[in-house]
Amino acid sequence: MTGPLTVRAAWAAEATQAARAVEQLPGWLGGTHMPRRPGWTCDTCPATDTPWPCSPALVRLSEHFVRDPAGLAAYLGALDAAAAVDRPDALRCELRRGRVR
């Protein structure tokens, strides 16, 4: 059997996946429109409270995953997990506000 067997192991696996997802962002986004943590707002957009991912970040990520929309969804899910670690008091729907238009 593969995969986590306990809730604690599942959380640890999700945290590891989230950390890897965040580490890949600078290369994929060219160092701009990065999430400002722990609030998860865009570090480049003129409005300081622009939720991340902002439109330019979504465009770049979509270009990277152009042939793999399921991969993009999984990657954004991993980033949601990273945001949840940074903001444990926030609701998941609040963390996704940048993608819900």
Protein backbone atom coordinates (compact mmCIF):
# COMPACT_ATOMS: atom_id res chain seq x y z
CA MET A 1 0.00 0.00 0.00
CA THR A 2 1.30 3.47 -0.80
CA GLY A 3 0.50 6.87 0.58
CA PRO A 4 -0.10 8.20 4.07
CA LEU A 5 -1.87 5.88 6.48
CA THR A 6 -2.77 8.35 9.20
CA VAL A 7 -4.20 11.85 9.28
CA ARG A 8 -0.96 13.13 10.77
CA ALA A 9 1.03 11.50 7.96
CA ALA A 10 -1.35 12.99 5.39
CA TRP A 11 -0.86 16.47 6.88
CA ALA A 12 2.91 16.01 6.83
CA ALA A 13 2.79 14.90 3.20
CA GLU A 14 0.61 17.89 2.29
CA ALA A 15 3.01 20.28 4.05
CA THR A 16 5.96 18.80 2.15
CA GLN A 17 4.13 19.14 -1.16
CA ALA A 18 3.15 22.72 -0.30
CA ALA A 19 6.75 23.66 0.53
CA ARG A 20 7.95 22.26 -2.80
CA ALA A 21 5.24 24.15 -4.66
CA VAL A 22 6.29 27.46 -3.09
CA GLU A 23 9.97 26.76 -3.88
CA GLN A 24 9.15 26.42 -7.61
CA LEU A 25 7.38 29.77 -7.89
CA PRO A 26 10.38 32.08 -8.49
CA GLY A 27 11.45 30.11 -11.55
CA TRP A 28 7.98 29.91 -13.02
CA LEU A 29 7.03 33.52 -12.32
CA GLY A 30 10.39 35.08 -13.11
CA GLY A 31 10.62 36.51 -9.61
CA THR A 32 7.69 38.90 -10.11
CA HIS A 33 4.10 38.68 -8.90
CA MET A 34 5.21 36.46 -6.05
CA PRO A 35 3.06 35.89 -2.97
CA ARG A 36 3.90 38.16 -0.06
CA ARG A 37 3.72 35.84 2.89
CA PRO A 38 2.10 35.27 5.32
CA GLY A 39 -0.77 37.41 3.99
CA TRP A 40 -0.65 35.94 0.46
CA THR A 41 -0.95 39.22 -1.41
CA CYS A 42 0.95 40.05 -4.61
CA ASP A 43 4.37 41.66 -4.09
CA THR A 44 4.32 43.41 -7.49
CA CYS A 45 0.79 44.63 -8.19
CA PRO A 46 0.23 48.33 -7.43
CA ALA A 47 -2.60 47.71 -4.96
CA THR A 48 -0.92 46.40 -1.82
CA ASP A 49 -3.89 44.20 -0.92
CA THR A 50 -4.18 42.38 -4.27
CA PRO A 51 -4.87 38.74 -3.40
CA TRP A 52 -2.39 36.24 -4.73
CA PRO A 53 -2.46 34.71 -7.27
CA CYS A 54 -3.09 37.92 -9.14
CA SER A 55 -4.03 37.90 -12.84
CA PRO A 56 -0.42 38.09 -14.15
CA ALA A 57 0.62 35.22 -11.87
CA LEU A 58 -2.32 33.12 -13.04
CA VAL A 59 -1.44 33.82 -16.68
CA ARG A 60 2.17 32.73 -16.16
CA LEU A 61 1.17 29.61 -14.25
CA SER A 62 -1.43 28.79 -16.92
CA GLU A 63 1.24 29.14 -19.61
CA HIS A 64 3.49 26.77 -17.69
CA PHE A 65 0.70 24.19 -17.32
CA VAL A 66 -0.86 24.79 -20.76
CA ARG A 67 -0.91 21.07 -21.58
CA ASP A 68 -1.74 19.95 -18.05
CA PRO A 69 -4.79 21.72 -16.58
CA ALA A 70 -5.17 19.00 -13.95
CA GLY A 71 -1.56 19.61 -12.94
CA LEU A 72 -2.34 23.32 -12.56
CA ALA A 73 -5.29 22.50 -10.31
CA ALA A 74 -3.13 20.19 -8.20
CA TYR A 75 -0.37 22.80 -8.01
CA LEU A 76 -2.79 25.54 -6.93
CA GLY A 77 -4.17 23.12 -4.35
CA ALA A 78 -0.67 22.66 -2.95
CA LEU A 79 -0.30 26.45 -2.77
CA ASP A 80 -3.65 26.62 -0.94
CA ALA A 81 -2.16 24.22 1.60
CA ALA A 82 0.89 26.49 2.01
CA ALA A 83 -1.40 29.48 2.51
CA ALA A 84 -3.37 27.53 5.12
CA VAL A 85 -0.14 26.88 7.04
CA ASP A 86 0.74 30.59 6.90
CA ARG A 87 -2.76 31.68 7.88
CA PRO A 88 -4.29 28.99 10.10
CA ASP A 89 -7.02 31.39 11.26
CA ALA A 90 -8.29 32.03 7.72
CA LEU A 91 -11.03 30.02 6.06
CA ARG A 92 -10.03 28.09 2.95
CA CYS A 93 -12.52 30.13 0.89
CA GLU A 94 -10.74 33.32 1.99
CA LEU A 95 -7.40 31.90 0.85
CA ARG A 96 -8.80 31.12 -2.59
CA ARG A 97 -10.32 34.57 -3.07
CA GLY A 98 -7.66 35.47 -5.61
CA ARG A 99 -8.78 32.70 -7.95
CA VAL A 100 -12.52 33.02 -7.47
CA ARG A 101 -13.68 35.78 -9.77
